[in-house]
Amino acid sequence: MTTYWCEWAWLPGGPAPDVLLDVDDGRITAVRTGSQPGAERLPGLTLPGLANAHSHAFHRALRGGTAGTRGTFWTWRERMYRVAEALDPDRYYQLALGVYAEMALAGITCVGEFHYLHHGPAGARYRDPNAMSAALAQAARDAGIRLTLLDTCYLTGGFDRPLDGVQLRFTDGDAAAWADRAGRFEADGDLVRLGAALHSVRAVPAEQIPEVAEWSRKIDAPLHVHLSEQRAENEACLAAHGCTPTQLLDSTGALGADLTAVHATHLAAGDVALLGGSGTGVCLCPTTEADLADGIGPAASLDIAGSPLSLGSDGHSTIDPFTELQAVESYQRLDTETRGTFTTPELVDIATRNSHRALGVPDAGWLGEGARADFVTVRLDGVRLAGVAPGEAPAVARADDVHHVVVGGDPVVRDGVHRAVPDVARQLREAITALI
């Protein structure tokens, strides 16, 4: 057993001083107050591990590539496809190792990888049909963070378009073949678990959506889907089906508490009611939505309607969960001209407990007896947080304030240095240079 002393700890009731966390076999066995000789000292504010509910690891290679340039989501997508063309399992592992290590440095202890780059050039199958999945899983293990591999079904290039070019690497042909391949992936259930995803309603025909949803429910896995990220998707869905993407998901039985809709930026009022009424979660990715000029989603309306909110870094224009959670509130202020839509404790819950639940990890994201021993300590003695009360620190902090990260009771980051990947910048630089 290891005991950690927290100068401040973010407990379910809020921050408390002088907290001892007893950890045994990867879980918190007791939460006590006071001090104890020999305890591992964690000066600062210790928070539950932060979860990144939506990641595309290979998009990290695009960071900075669109800064100061004009364009849309669709012109950016062509750049993204060029990176996808260059990846193979070895290169994917090297890049993902750097990306996941960067996440650990930022305080992320669990990631949901929305994974659709399954096959080789022109769709050729690798000897191991899950070689790309295995590369991501090994990268997460080596970086020391948890991974929910959201194996993604991707079948068409649009409502009325076949796949072409690099998109052929994404497809298994139909939902049955996708389920057969995805089901062969061996997850260990601890650091790596299996989930499922529909890429979008434009990439999975309506008649095949139920098979994906039923498969995920059969194995009790979380299901995710890109939803209404772009107005063009809504318009194309209306033209093809006479309904919104949310209404289409509802008609196919996909909505529900096991589904997380990613983005949900451009929703009709009826869509908000459908999502909230069914308990469907919504994953917001504020920094990517800003980087791609997607727009500001109705976070407040979704929260009121009953949709649990979670957070993702998506295209990794930045990897900073504190920036993401702060952006949820700041973007609502810009949109509504009203302050205080979400309190700091509510934002912390979105980034911790809610985001873990969206990834099928309900026993993480909180500090209490029986929870997984995943936690993150933020320094309070730097210039940025000088004079800031511990209860408001998450609303001010940034990733570079993180100095200690523990996953499953084991230190992953100590004093701001990743223990397994001591030079994360070099790992990323060399992996990206090999692609670009």
Foldseek 3Di string as FASTA:
>chain_A
DAKEWECWEQAPVGIDGAWIFDADQQFTAFIDHDDDPPHHYFYFYKFFFFEAQEAAQQLQLCQPVCPPHDDFPVVVVVVVLLLLLQDDLVLLLLSLLLSLLQLVLLRHQEYEYQDQQQAHFLQHADPLSRSNVVSNLVSQVLLRHAYAYALEAFAAPFQPGRDDGSCSSRHLHALVSSLVSLVPDDAPVARYHYAHEYAACGGHPLVRVLVRQVSRVVVVFAYEYAAPLAVVNQVRCCVNPVHGRLVSCVVSVNAALSYEYEDQADDDPVSLLSNQVRQHAYEYQVVVSVVNVSHGRPVLSNVVSHHQYAYHNYSPSDNHLLVGLLSNQVVVCVVVVDHDSDDLVSSLCRRFQSSCVSRVQNLGRHDGRRRRPWMWGFHCPDPQNVPPDSRCCSNGDISNRTAWIAGSNHTQGHGSAGPSCRCSVVSNVVSSVSSD
